Amino acid sequence: MHAREASADDAPSARGQELASLASCDLRDRFYSWRGASGQRYVCSIFRLDEESVVAEFSQAVVIGVVREGATRRPVCVLRSRDFETDDGRAVRDDARKLGVNEWHVRFGARDDIMLGLAAALLN
């Protein structure tokens, strides 16, 4: 599990972007892509904060806690779905909420190396 404090200096960057193919449909608010340390993009499903109990049921996924303010999205933590309901995972989620996380971005079927690559790229 990895976390960092969100900063007002964080600006939209090439780290993440909406999916152009969904720009004109209602699904545009349910998917987002993030770039890992390798440069590869990973498409994630978006869940609102009030859908956290759904996210807790997933296995073999990477979960990114995101602060969304208008069109700007800032990642503040990255954890494995299997850690979501552990003591450490609950502590990270509590801290994430305090930092303003209002979305959970989920990459299904992700291996640990993908989690580490996303954490390295998004939290530095």
N, C-alpha and C. Protein backbone atom coordinates (compact mmCIF):
# COMPACT_ATOMS: atom_id res chain seq x y z
N MET A 1 0.84 -1.16 0.00
CA MET A 1 0.00 0.00 0.00
C MET A 1 0.89 1.22 0.00
N HIS A 2 0.52 2.19 -0.80
CA HIS A 2 1.30 3.39 -0.94
C HIS A 2 0.35 4.58 -0.92
N ALA A 3 0.78 5.66 -0.27
CA ALA A 3 -0.07 6.85 -0.22
C ALA A 3 0.81 8.08 -0.20
N ARG A 4 0.24 9.20 -0.62
CA ARG A 4 0.89 10.49 -0.51
C ARG A 4 -0.19 11.53 -0.33
N GLU A 5 0.18 12.66 0.23
CA GLU A 5 -0.77 13.73 0.44
C GLU A 5 -1.01 14.45 -0.87
N ALA A 6 -2.26 14.74 -1.16
CA ALA A 6 -2.60 15.49 -2.36
C ALA A 6 -2.11 16.92 -2.20
N SER A 7 -1.66 17.51 -3.29
CA SER A 7 -1.13 18.86 -3.25
C SER A 7 -1.93 19.74 -4.18
N ALA A 8 -2.11 21.00 -3.77
CA ALA A 8 -2.80 21.95 -4.62
C ALA A 8 -2.00 22.23 -5.88
N ASP A 9 -0.70 21.93 -5.84
CA ASP A 9 0.16 22.14 -7.00
C ASP A 9 0.02 21.04 -8.04
N ASP A 10 -0.66 19.95 -7.69
CA ASP A 10 -0.84 18.87 -8.65
C ASP A 10 -1.68 19.39 -9.81
N ALA A 11 -1.20 19.18 -11.00
CA ALA A 11 -1.92 19.63 -12.18
C ALA A 11 -2.23 18.42 -13.04
N PRO A 12 -3.25 18.54 -13.91
CA PRO A 12 -3.51 17.44 -14.82
C PRO A 12 -2.24 17.14 -15.61
N SER A 13 -1.96 15.90 -15.83
CA SER A 13 -0.74 15.55 -16.54
C SER A 13 -0.99 14.35 -17.42
N ALA A 14 0.07 13.92 -18.08
CA ALA A 14 -0.04 12.75 -18.95
C ALA A 14 -0.16 11.47 -18.15
N ARG A 15 -0.10 11.56 -16.81
CA ARG A 15 -0.22 10.35 -15.98
C ARG A 15 -1.58 9.71 -16.14
N GLY A 16 -2.62 10.51 -16.30
CA GLY A 16 -3.96 9.97 -16.41
C GLY A 16 -4.78 10.73 -17.42
N GLN A 17 -5.77 10.04 -17.99
CA GLN A 17 -6.64 10.72 -18.94
C GLN A 17 -7.94 9.96 -19.12
N GLU A 18 -8.96 10.71 -19.53
CA GLU A 18 -10.23 10.10 -19.87
C GLU A 18 -10.06 9.30 -21.16
N LEU A 19 -10.97 8.41 -21.42
CA LEU A 19 -10.91 7.61 -22.64
C LEU A 19 -11.61 8.35 -23.78
N ALA A 20 -10.87 8.69 -24.81
CA ALA A 20 -11.42 9.44 -25.93
C ALA A 20 -12.60 8.70 -26.57
N SER A 21 -12.54 7.38 -26.59
CA SER A 21 -13.60 6.59 -27.22
C SER A 21 -14.93 6.69 -26.48
N LEU A 22 -14.89 7.16 -25.23
CA LEU A 22 -16.12 7.28 -24.44
C LEU A 22 -16.54 8.73 -24.23
N ALA A 23 -15.87 9.66 -24.87
CA ALA A 23 -16.09 11.09 -24.63
C ALA A 23 -17.54 11.53 -24.80
N SER A 24 -18.26 10.91 -25.71
CA SER A 24 -19.63 11.36 -25.98
C SER A 24 -20.71 10.45 -25.42
N CYS A 25 -20.34 9.54 -24.51
CA CYS A 25 -21.37 8.67 -23.94
C CYS A 25 -21.34 8.71 -22.41
N ASP A 26 -22.39 8.18 -21.82
CA ASP A 26 -22.54 8.22 -20.36
C ASP A 26 -21.47 7.43 -19.62
N LEU A 27 -20.83 6.49 -20.27
CA LEU A 27 -19.80 5.67 -19.62
C LEU A 27 -18.50 6.43 -19.38
N ARG A 28 -18.38 7.63 -19.89
CA ARG A 28 -17.13 8.39 -19.73
C ARG A 28 -16.78 8.63 -18.27
N ASP A 29 -17.78 8.66 -17.39
CA ASP A 29 -17.53 8.87 -15.96
C ASP A 29 -17.26 7.57 -15.21
N ARG A 30 -17.22 6.46 -15.92
CA ARG A 30 -17.00 5.16 -15.27
C ARG A 30 -15.65 4.53 -15.60
N PHE A 31 -14.89 5.16 -16.50
CA PHE A 31 -13.59 4.61 -16.89
C PHE A 31 -12.56 5.73 -17.01
N TYR A 32 -11.32 5.39 -16.70
CA TYR A 32 -10.22 6.35 -16.76
C TYR A 32 -8.94 5.55 -16.96
N SER A 33 -7.94 6.14 -17.60
CA SER A 33 -6.68 5.41 -17.76
C SER A 33 -5.56 6.14 -17.04
N TRP A 34 -4.67 5.34 -16.48
CA TRP A 34 -3.49 5.85 -15.78
C TRP A 34 -2.25 5.24 -16.41
N ARG A 35 -1.18 6.01 -16.46
CA ARG A 35 0.09 5.53 -17.01
C ARG A 35 0.97 5.01 -15.87
N GLY A 36 1.46 3.79 -16.03
CA GLY A 36 2.37 3.19 -15.05
C GLY A 36 3.80 3.66 -15.28
N ALA A 37 4.70 3.24 -14.42
CA ALA A 37 6.11 3.63 -14.52
C ALA A 37 6.73 3.17 -15.84
N SER A 38 6.22 2.08 -16.41
CA SER A 38 6.74 1.56 -17.68
C SER A 38 6.28 2.39 -18.87
N GLY A 39 5.32 3.28 -18.64
CA GLY A 39 4.75 4.06 -19.73
C GLY A 39 3.46 3.46 -20.27
N GLN A 40 3.17 2.23 -19.90
CA GLN A 40 1.94 1.57 -20.35
C GLN A 40 0.73 2.19 -19.66
N ARG A 41 -0.35 2.31 -20.42
CA ARG A 41 -1.60 2.83 -19.85
C ARG A 41 -2.46 1.67 -19.37
N TYR A 42 -3.12 1.90 -18.23
CA TYR A 42 -4.00 0.89 -17.64
C TYR A 42 -5.39 1.50 -17.48
N VAL A 43 -6.38 0.88 -18.14
CA VAL A 43 -7.76 1.36 -18.03
C VAL A 43 -8.34 0.84 -16.73
N CYS A 44 -8.96 1.76 -15.99
CA CYS A 44 -9.56 1.43 -14.70
C CYS A 44 -11.05 1.73 -14.72
N SER A 45 -11.80 0.95 -13.97
CA SER A 45 -13.22 1.22 -13.73
C SER A 45 -13.30 2.18 -12.54
N ILE A 46 -14.21 3.13 -12.61
CA ILE A 46 -14.35 4.13 -11.56
C ILE A 46 -15.55 3.80 -10.68
N PHE A 47 -15.32 3.83 -9.37
CA PHE A 47 -16.37 3.64 -8.38
C PHE A 47 -16.38 4.86 -7.46
N ARG A 48 -17.57 5.34 -7.16
CA ARG A 48 -17.71 6.47 -6.23
C ARG A 48 -17.35 6.03 -4.82
N LEU A 49 -17.06 6.99 -3.98
CA LEU A 49 -16.71 6.69 -2.59
C LEU A 49 -17.81 5.88 -1.91
N ASP A 50 -19.07 6.17 -2.22
CA ASP A 50 -20.17 5.44 -1.57
C ASP A 50 -20.32 4.01 -2.11
N GLU A 51 -19.50 3.63 -3.09
CA GLU A 51 -19.47 2.26 -3.61
C GLU A 51 -18.29 1.47 -3.05
N GLU A 52 -17.70 1.98 -1.98
CA GLU A 52 -16.52 1.35 -1.38
C GLU A 52 -16.77 -0.10 -0.98
N SER A 53 -17.96 -0.42 -0.52
CA SER A 53 -18.24 -1.80 -0.11
C SER A 53 -18.19 -2.75 -1.32
N VAL A 54 -18.53 -2.26 -2.49
CA VAL A 54 -18.43 -3.06 -3.71
C VAL A 54 -16.96 -3.31 -4.02
N VAL A 55 -16.15 -2.27 -3.94
CA VAL A 55 -14.71 -2.38 -4.23
C VAL A 55 -14.06 -3.38 -3.27
N ALA A 56 -14.50 -3.40 -2.03
CA ALA A 56 -13.93 -4.30 -1.02
C ALA A 56 -14.12 -5.77 -1.38
N GLU A 57 -15.08 -6.08 -2.24
CA GLU A 57 -15.36 -7.46 -2.63
C GLU A 57 -14.47 -7.96 -3.77
N PHE A 58 -13.74 -7.09 -4.42
CA PHE A 58 -12.92 -7.49 -5.56
C PHE A 58 -11.66 -8.21 -5.11
N SER A 59 -11.21 -9.16 -5.95
CA SER A 59 -9.93 -9.82 -5.69
C SER A 59 -9.04 -9.60 -6.91
N GLN A 60 -7.76 -9.67 -6.70
CA GLN A 60 -6.76 -9.50 -7.76
C GLN A 60 -6.97 -8.22 -8.56
N ALA A 61 -7.06 -7.12 -7.85
CA ALA A 61 -7.20 -5.82 -8.50
C ALA A 61 -6.30 -4.82 -7.79
N VAL A 62 -5.96 -3.78 -8.52
CA VAL A 62 -5.26 -2.64 -7.94
C VAL A 62 -6.29 -1.54 -7.78
N VAL A 63 -6.28 -0.89 -6.63
CA VAL A 63 -7.24 0.17 -6.33
C VAL A 63 -6.47 1.47 -6.11
N ILE A 64 -6.87 2.50 -6.84
CA ILE A 64 -6.25 3.82 -6.75
C ILE A 64 -7.27 4.77 -6.13
N GLY A 65 -6.91 5.39 -5.01
CA GLY A 65 -7.76 6.40 -4.39
C GLY A 65 -7.52 7.73 -5.09
N VAL A 66 -8.59 8.36 -5.58
CA VAL A 66 -8.45 9.55 -6.42
C VAL A 66 -9.32 10.68 -5.88
N VAL A 67 -8.74 11.88 -5.86
CA VAL A 67 -9.50 13.10 -5.56
C VAL A 67 -9.93 13.68 -6.91
N ARG A 68 -11.23 13.79 -7.10
CA ARG A 68 -11.75 14.40 -8.34
C ARG A 68 -12.34 15.75 -7.98
N GLU A 69 -11.82 16.77 -8.66
CA GLU A 69 -12.33 18.14 -8.51
C GLU A 69 -12.61 18.66 -9.90
N GLY A 70 -13.86 18.63 -10.31
CA GLY A 70 -14.21 19.01 -11.67
C GLY A 70 -13.60 18.03 -12.65
N ALA A 71 -12.83 18.55 -13.61
CA ALA A 71 -12.19 17.69 -14.61
C ALA A 71 -10.82 17.19 -14.15
N THR A 72 -10.35 17.65 -13.01
CA THR A 72 -9.03 17.28 -12.51
C THR A 72 -9.13 16.07 -11.59
N ARG A 73 -8.24 15.11 -11.80
CA ARG A 73 -8.17 13.92 -10.94
C ARG A 73 -6.74 13.80 -10.43
N ARG A 74 -6.61 13.61 -9.11
CA ARG A 74 -5.29 13.44 -8.48
C ARG A 74 -5.26 12.14 -7.69
N PRO A 75 -4.36 11.24 -8.02
CA PRO A 75 -4.23 10.00 -7.24
C PRO A 75 -3.54 10.29 -5.92
N VAL A 76 -4.03 9.70 -4.84
CA VAL A 76 -3.39 9.91 -3.53
C VAL A 76 -2.97 8.61 -2.85
N CYS A 77 -3.47 7.47 -3.31
CA CYS A 77 -3.02 6.20 -2.73
C CYS A 77 -3.24 5.07 -3.73
N VAL A 78 -2.46 4.02 -3.55
CA VAL A 78 -2.57 2.83 -4.39
C VAL A 78 -2.47 1.63 -3.47
N LEU A 79 -3.42 0.70 -3.56
CA LEU A 79 -3.36 -0.51 -2.75
C LEU A 79 -3.94 -1.69 -3.49
N ARG A 80 -3.65 -2.87 -3.02
CA ARG A 80 -4.21 -4.10 -3.59
C ARG A 80 -5.61 -4.29 -3.03
N SER A 81 -6.50 -4.81 -3.85
CA SER A 81 -7.86 -5.04 -3.36
C SER A 81 -7.87 -6.03 -2.21
N ARG A 82 -6.96 -7.00 -2.23
CA ARG A 82 -6.94 -7.99 -1.14
C ARG A 82 -6.54 -7.36 0.19
N ASP A 83 -5.93 -6.17 0.16
CA ASP A 83 -5.55 -5.47 1.39
C ASP A 83 -6.63 -4.48 1.84
N PHE A 84 -7.67 -4.31 1.05
CA PHE A 84 -8.70 -3.30 1.30
C PHE A 84 -9.34 -3.45 2.67
N GLU A 85 -9.60 -4.68 3.10
CA GLU A 85 -10.29 -4.92 4.37
C GLU A 85 -9.35 -5.32 5.50
N THR A 86 -8.05 -5.21 5.30
CA THR A 86 -7.10 -5.47 6.39
C THR A 86 -7.00 -4.23 7.27
N ASP A 87 -6.37 -4.35 8.43
CA ASP A 87 -6.18 -3.18 9.30
C ASP A 87 -5.42 -2.09 8.57
N ASP A 88 -4.34 -2.46 7.88
CA ASP A 88 -3.56 -1.47 7.13
C ASP A 88 -4.38 -0.85 6.01
N GLY A 89 -5.14 -1.66 5.31
CA GLY A 89 -5.98 -1.16 4.23
C GLY A 89 -7.04 -0.20 4.73
N ARG A 90 -7.66 -0.52 5.85
CA ARG A 90 -8.66 0.40 6.43
C ARG A 90 -8.00 1.71 6.84
N ALA A 91 -6.78 1.65 7.37
CA ALA A 91 -6.06 2.87 7.76
C ALA A 91 -5.75 3.73 6.53
N VAL A 92 -5.32 3.09 5.45
CA VAL A 92 -5.04 3.83 4.21
C VAL A 92 -6.33 4.46 3.69
N ARG A 93 -7.43 3.73 3.72
CA ARG A 93 -8.71 4.26 3.24
C ARG A 93 -9.18 5.42 4.11
N ASP A 94 -9.01 5.31 5.43
CA ASP A 94 -9.37 6.42 6.33
C ASP A 94 -8.55 7.66 5.99
N ASP A 95 -7.24 7.48 5.82
CA ASP A 95 -6.37 8.61 5.46
C ASP A 95 -6.77 9.18 4.10
N ALA A 96 -7.10 8.30 3.16
CA ALA A 96 -7.50 8.74 1.83
C ALA A 96 -8.74 9.62 1.89
N ARG A 97 -9.72 9.21 2.67
CA ARG A 97 -10.94 10.02 2.82
C ARG A 97 -10.62 11.38 3.42
N LYS A 98 -9.72 11.41 4.40
CA LYS A 98 -9.31 12.69 5.01
C LYS A 98 -8.63 13.60 4.00
N LEU A 99 -7.96 13.00 3.01
CA LEU A 99 -7.29 13.78 1.97
C LEU A 99 -8.23 14.15 0.82
N GLY A 100 -9.50 13.74 0.93
CA GLY A 100 -10.49 14.13 -0.06
C GLY A 100 -10.79 13.12 -1.15
N VAL A 101 -10.30 11.89 -1.01
CA VAL A 101 -10.59 10.87 -2.03
C VAL A 101 -12.10 10.72 -2.17
N ASN A 102 -12.58 10.80 -3.40
CA ASN A 102 -14.00 10.63 -3.66
C ASN A 102 -14.27 9.64 -4.79
N GLU A 103 -13.20 9.01 -5.29
CA GLU A 103 -13.34 7.97 -6.30
C GLU A 103 -12.32 6.86 -6.02
N TRP A 104 -12.71 5.64 -6.37
CA TRP A 104 -11.79 4.50 -6.35
C TRP A 104 -11.67 4.02 -7.78
N HIS A 105 -10.46 4.03 -8.33
CA HIS A 105 -10.22 3.55 -9.69
C HIS A 105 -9.66 2.14 -9.56
N VAL A 106 -10.30 1.18 -10.22
CA VAL A 106 -9.96 -0.23 -10.05
C VAL A 106 -9.47 -0.82 -11.37
N ARG A 107 -8.27 -1.39 -11.32
CA ARG A 107 -7.70 -2.13 -12.45
C ARG A 107 -7.82 -3.61 -12.11
N PHE A 108 -8.72 -4.31 -12.79
CA PHE A 108 -8.97 -5.72 -12.50
C PHE A 108 -7.86 -6.61 -13.05
N GLY A 109 -7.62 -7.73 -12.36
CA GLY A 109 -6.66 -8.72 -12.82
C GLY A 109 -5.22 -8.25 -12.80
N ALA A 110 -4.93 -7.24 -12.02
CA ALA A 110 -3.59 -6.66 -12.01
C ALA A 110 -2.65 -7.42 -11.07
N ARG A 111 -1.46 -7.67 -11.56
CA ARG A 111 -0.42 -8.32 -10.76
C ARG A 111 0.26 -7.29 -9.85
N ASP A 112 1.05 -7.78 -8.91
CA ASP A 112 1.75 -6.90 -7.98
C ASP A 112 2.70 -5.94 -8.70
N ASP A 113 3.34 -6.38 -9.79
CA ASP A 113 4.26 -5.50 -10.50
C ASP A 113 3.52 -4.32 -11.12
N ILE A 114 2.28 -4.52 -11.53
CA ILE A 114 1.48 -3.42 -12.06
C ILE A 114 1.15 -2.44 -10.94
N MET A 115 0.80 -2.96 -9.75
CA MET A 115 0.53 -2.09 -8.62
C MET A 115 1.76 -1.25 -8.29
N LEU A 116 2.92 -1.88 -8.26
CA LEU A 116 4.15 -1.15 -7.93
C LEU A 116 4.47 -0.11 -9.00
N GLY A 117 4.25 -0.45 -10.27
CA GLY A 117 4.48 0.50 -11.35
C GLY A 117 3.53 1.68 -11.31
N LEU A 118 2.27 1.42 -11.00
CA LEU A 118 1.31 2.52 -10.87
C LEU A 118 1.64 3.39 -9.66
N ALA A 119 1.99 2.77 -8.54
CA ALA A 119 2.35 3.54 -7.35
C ALA A 119 3.57 4.42 -7.63
N ALA A 120 4.58 3.87 -8.29
CA ALA A 120 5.79 4.63 -8.59
C ALA A 120 5.49 5.81 -9.51
N ALA A 121 4.63 5.60 -10.49
CA ALA A 121 4.33 6.65 -11.45
C ALA A 121 3.37 7.70 -10.90
N LEU A 122 2.39 7.28 -10.13
CA LEU A 122 1.33 8.19 -9.72
C LEU A 122 1.62 8.93 -8.43
N LEU A 123 2.44 8.38 -7.58
CA LEU A 123 2.62 8.97 -6.26
C LEU A 123 3.95 9.70 -6.10
N ASN A 124 4.72 9.82 -7.15
CA ASN A 124 6.00 10.54 -7.09
C ASN A 124 5.86 11.92 -7.68
